[in-house]
Amino acid sequence: MTTQMALDMAYRAIFVAGVMMAPVLITAIVVGVLINIIQTVTSIKDMSLTFVPKLVISAIVIGFALPWMIQTMSSYFEEMYSLFAAVRG
Protein backbone atom coordinates (compact mmCIF):
# COMPACT_ATOMS: atom_id res chain seq x y z
CA MET A 1 0.00 0.00 0.00
CA THR A 2 1.37 3.35 -0.97
CA THR A 3 1.10 6.54 1.03
CA GLN A 4 -1.15 8.07 -1.62
CA MET A 5 -3.49 5.10 -1.44
CA ALA A 6 -3.78 5.45 2.34
CA LEU A 7 -4.45 9.18 2.03
CA ASP A 8 -7.13 8.54 -0.61
CA MET A 9 -8.82 6.01 1.66
CA ALA A 10 -8.75 8.43 4.60
CA TYR A 11 -10.11 11.23 2.40
CA ARG A 12 -12.91 9.00 1.14
CA ALA A 13 -13.84 7.98 4.71
CA ILE A 14 -14.04 11.60 5.88
CA PHE A 15 -15.95 12.63 2.74
CA VAL A 16 -18.54 9.84 3.11
CA ALA A 17 -19.03 10.67 6.81
CA GLY A 18 -19.54 14.34 5.97
CA VAL A 19 -21.98 13.63 3.16
CA MET A 20 -23.99 11.26 5.34
CA MET A 21 -24.32 13.69 8.24
CA ALA A 22 -24.92 16.81 6.14
CA PRO A 23 -28.74 16.49 6.00
CA VAL A 24 -29.02 16.11 9.76
CA LEU A 25 -26.58 18.92 10.56
CA ILE A 26 -28.09 21.36 8.06
CA THR A 27 -31.59 20.64 9.34
CA ALA A 28 -30.53 21.12 12.97
CA ILE A 29 -28.84 24.42 12.10
CA VAL A 30 -31.86 25.74 10.22
CA VAL A 31 -34.28 24.70 12.97
CA GLY A 32 -31.99 26.21 15.60
CA VAL A 33 -31.80 29.54 13.79
CA LEU A 34 -35.57 29.67 13.26
CA ILE A 35 -36.28 28.89 16.90
CA ASN A 36 -33.68 31.44 17.99
CA ILE A 37 -35.45 34.09 15.90
CA ILE A 38 -38.78 33.13 17.46
CA GLN A 39 -37.25 33.28 20.95
CA THR A 40 -35.76 36.70 20.27
CA VAL A 41 -39.04 38.09 18.98
CA THR A 42 -41.11 36.70 21.87
CA SER A 43 -38.42 37.18 24.57
CA ILE A 44 -38.73 33.54 25.67
CA LYS A 45 -35.42 32.14 26.96
CA ASP A 46 -36.12 28.46 27.57
CA MET A 47 -33.34 26.01 26.65
CA SER A 48 -35.73 23.09 26.13
CA LEU A 49 -37.50 25.14 23.48
CA THR A 50 -34.39 24.86 21.28
CA PHE A 51 -33.29 21.34 22.21
CA VAL A 52 -36.52 19.36 21.83
CA PRO A 53 -37.50 20.56 18.33
CA LYS A 54 -33.96 20.03 17.03
CA LEU A 55 -33.96 16.52 18.48
CA VAL A 56 -37.34 15.65 16.99
CA ILE A 57 -36.59 17.11 13.55
CA SER A 58 -33.18 15.40 13.47
CA ALA A 59 -34.79 12.06 14.30
CA ILE A 60 -37.33 12.56 11.51
CA VAL A 61 -34.59 13.46 9.01
CA ILE A 62 -32.57 10.40 10.03
CA GLY A 63 -35.67 8.25 9.61
CA PHE A 64 -36.24 9.52 6.07
CA ALA A 65 -32.56 9.44 5.11
CA LEU A 66 -31.78 6.05 6.63
CA PRO A 67 -32.25 3.99 3.43
CA TRP A 68 -29.95 6.37 1.57
CA MET A 69 -27.41 6.27 4.41
CA ILE A 70 -27.42 2.46 4.41
CA GLN A 71 -26.91 2.40 0.63
CA THR A 72 -24.07 4.93 0.88
CA MET A 73 -22.30 2.96 3.62
CA SER A 74 -22.82 -0.30 1.75
CA SER A 75 -21.23 1.06 -1.42
CA TYR A 76 -18.41 2.60 0.63
CA PHE A 77 -17.64 -0.72 2.35
CA GLU A 78 -17.74 -2.56 -0.98
CA GLU A 79 -15.26 -0.03 -2.39
CA MET A 80 -12.95 -0.37 0.61
CA TYR A 81 -13.17 -4.17 0.52
CA SER A 82 -12.17 -4.21 -3.13
CA LEU A 83 -9.23 -1.90 -2.36
CA PHE A 84 -8.09 -4.17 0.47
CA ALA A 85 -8.32 -7.16 -1.83
CA ALA A 86 -6.24 -5.32 -4.44
CA VAL A 87 -3.60 -4.37 -1.87
CA ARG A 88 -3.36 -7.86 -0.45
CA GLY A 89 -2.81 -9.12 -3.91
C-alpha atoms as a PDB file:
ATOM      1  CA  MET A   1       0.000   0.000   0.000  1.00  0.00           C
ATOM      2  CA  THR A   2       1.372   3.353  -0.970  1.00  0.00           C
ATOM      3  CA  THR A   3       1.102   6.540   1.026  1.00  0.00           C
ATOM      4  CA  GLN A   4      -1.147   8.066  -1.622  1.00  0.00           C
ATOM      5  CA  MET A   5      -3.491   5.096  -1.436  1.00  0.00           C
ATOM      6  CA  ALA A   6      -3.779   5.445   2.342  1.00  0.00           C
ATOM      7  CA  LEU A   7      -4.452   9.175   2.027  1.00  0.00           C
ATOM      8  CA  ASP A   8      -7.126   8.539  -0.613  1.00  0.00           C
ATOM      9  CA  MET A   9      -8.815   6.006   1.656  1.00  0.00           C
ATOM     10  CA  ALA A  10      -8.755   8.431   4.598  1.00  0.00           C
ATOM     11  CA  TYR A  11     -10.112  11.234   2.402  1.00  0.00           C
ATOM     12  CA  ARG A  12     -12.910   8.995   1.141  1.00  0.00           C
ATOM     13  CA  ALA A  13     -13.844   7.979   4.706  1.00  0.00           C
ATOM     14  CA  ILE A  14     -14.042  11.596   5.878  1.00  0.00           C
ATOM     15  CA  PHE A  15     -15.954  12.626   2.744  1.00  0.00           C
ATOM     16  CA  VAL A  16     -18.542   9.842   3.109  1.00  0.00           C
ATOM     17  CA  ALA A  17     -19.026  10.671   6.805  1.00  0.00           C
ATOM     18  CA  GLY A  18     -19.535  14.344   5.974  1.00  0.00           C
ATOM     19  CA  VAL A  19     -21.977  13.633   3.165  1.00  0.00           C
ATOM     20  CA  MET A  20     -23.987  11.260   5.336  1.00  0.00           C
ATOM     21  CA  MET A  21     -24.324  13.687   8.240  1.00  0.00           C
ATOM     22  CA  ALA A  22     -24.919  16.813   6.145  1.00  0.00           C
ATOM     23  CA  PRO A  23     -28.737  16.493   5.996  1.00  0.00           C
ATOM     24  CA  VAL A  24     -29.018  16.110   9.761  1.00  0.00           C
ATOM     25  CA  LEU A  25     -26.576  18.921  10.558  1.00  0.00           C
ATOM     26  CA  ILE A  26     -28.095  21.363   8.060  1.00  0.00           C
ATOM     27  CA  THR A  27     -31.594  20.639   9.340  1.00  0.00           C
ATOM     28  CA  ALA A  28     -30.526  21.117  12.966  1.00  0.00           C
ATOM     29  CA  ILE A  29     -28.836  24.423  12.105  1.00  0.00           C
ATOM     30  CA  VAL A  30     -31.863  25.737  10.215  1.00  0.00           C
ATOM     31  CA  VAL A  31     -34.284  24.703  12.974  1.00  0.00           C
ATOM     32  CA  GLY A  32     -31.988  26.214  15.604  1.00  0.00           C
ATOM     33  CA  VAL A  33     -31.802  29.540  13.794  1.00  0.00           C
ATOM     34  CA  LEU A  34     -35.572  29.669  13.256  1.00  0.00           C
ATOM     35  CA  ILE A  35     -36.280  28.890  16.902  1.00  0.00           C
ATOM     36  CA  ASN A  36     -33.680  31.437  17.990  1.00  0.00           C
ATOM     37  CA  ILE A  37     -35.445  34.085  15.899  1.00  0.00           C
ATOM     38  CA  ILE A  38     -38.778  33.135  17.459  1.00  0.00           C
ATOM     39  CA  GLN A  39     -37.246  33.284  20.952  1.00  0.00           C
ATOM     40  CA  THR A  40     -35.765  36.698  20.267  1.00  0.00           C
ATOM     41  CA  VAL A  41     -39.037  38.088  18.981  1.00  0.00           C
ATOM     42  CA  THR A  42     -41.106  36.698  21.868  1.00  0.00           C
ATOM     43  CA  SER A  43     -38.423  37.175  24.574  1.00  0.00           C
ATOM     44  CA  ILE A  44     -38.727  33.542  25.673  1.00  0.00           C
ATOM     45  CA  LYS A  45     -35.418  32.142  26.961  1.00  0.00           C
ATOM     46  CA  ASP A  46     -36.122  28.456  27.572  1.00  0.00           C
ATOM     47  CA  MET A  47     -33.342  26.007  26.650  1.00  0.00           C
ATOM     48  CA  SER A  48     -35.730  23.091  26.131  1.00  0.00           C
ATOM     49  CA  LEU A  49     -37.498  25.140  23.477  1.00  0.00           C
ATOM     50  CA  THR A  50     -34.392  24.855  21.285  1.00  0.00           C
ATOM     51  CA  PHE A  51     -33.292  21.340  22.212  1.00  0.00           C
ATOM     52  CA  VAL A  52     -36.516  19.363  21.835  1.00  0.00           C
ATOM     53  CA  PRO A  53     -37.503  20.561  18.328  1.00  0.00           C
ATOM     54  CA  LYS A  54     -33.963  20.033  17.025  1.00  0.00           C
ATOM     55  CA  LEU A  55     -33.959  16.524  18.478  1.00  0.00           C
ATOM     56  CA  VAL A  56     -37.341  15.649  16.990  1.00  0.00           C
ATOM     57  CA  ILE A  57     -36.585  17.112  13.546  1.00  0.00           C
ATOM     58  CA  SER A  58     -33.180  15.399  13.470  1.00  0.00           C
ATOM     59  CA  ALA A  59     -34.786  12.057  14.302  1.00  0.00           C
ATOM     60  CA  ILE A  60     -37.330  12.562  11.511  1.00  0.00           C
ATOM     61  CA  VAL A  61     -34.593  13.456   9.010  1.00  0.00           C
ATOM     62  CA  ILE A  62     -32.565  10.395  10.027  1.00  0.00           C
ATOM     63  CA  GLY A  63     -35.675   8.254   9.606  1.00  0.00           C
ATOM     64  CA  PHE A  64     -36.245   9.523   6.068  1.00  0.00           C
ATOM     65  CA  ALA A  65     -32.558   9.441   5.106  1.00  0.00           C
ATOM     66  CA  LEU A  66     -31.782   6.046   6.634  1.00  0.00           C
ATOM     67  CA  PRO A  67     -32.248   3.994   3.430  1.00  0.00           C
ATOM     68  CA  TRP A  68     -29.953   6.366   1.566  1.00  0.00           C
ATOM     69  CA  MET A  69     -27.412   6.272   4.414  1.00  0.00           C
ATOM     70  CA  ILE A  70     -27.419   2.461   4.413  1.00  0.00           C
ATOM     71  CA  GLN A  71     -26.913   2.400   0.631  1.00  0.00           C
ATOM     72  CA  THR A  72     -24.066   4.926   0.877  1.00  0.00           C
ATOM     73  CA  MET A  73     -22.304   2.963   3.620  1.00  0.00           C
ATOM     74  CA  SER A  74     -22.817  -0.297   1.752  1.00  0.00           C
ATOM     75  CA  SER A  75     -21.229   1.056  -1.423  1.00  0.00           C
ATOM     76  CA  TYR A  76     -18.406   2.604   0.627  1.00  0.00           C
ATOM     77  CA  PHE A  77     -17.638  -0.720   2.348  1.00  0.00           C
ATOM     78  CA  GLU A  78     -17.745  -2.555  -0.985  1.00  0.00           C
ATOM     79  CA  GLU A  79     -15.264  -0.032  -2.392  1.00  0.00           C
ATOM     80  CA  MET A  80     -12.948  -0.370   0.612  1.00  0.00           C
ATOM     81  CA  TYR A  81     -13.173  -4.166   0.525  1.00  0.00           C
ATOM     82  CA  SER A  82     -12.169  -4.206  -3.129  1.00  0.00           C
ATOM     83  CA  LEU A  83      -9.229  -1.898  -2.359  1.00  0.00           C
ATOM     84  CA  PHE A  84      -8.094  -4.165   0.474  1.00  0.00           C
ATOM     85  CA  ALA A  85      -8.318  -7.162  -1.831  1.00  0.00           C
ATOM     86  CA  ALA A  86      -6.244  -5.323  -4.437  1.00  0.00           C
ATOM     87  CA  VAL A  87      -3.597  -4.370  -1.872  1.00  0.00           C
ATOM     88  CA  ARG A  88      -3.363  -7.865  -0.453  1.00  0.00           C
ATOM     89  CA  GLY A  89      -2.805  -9.117  -3.909  1.00  0.00           C
END
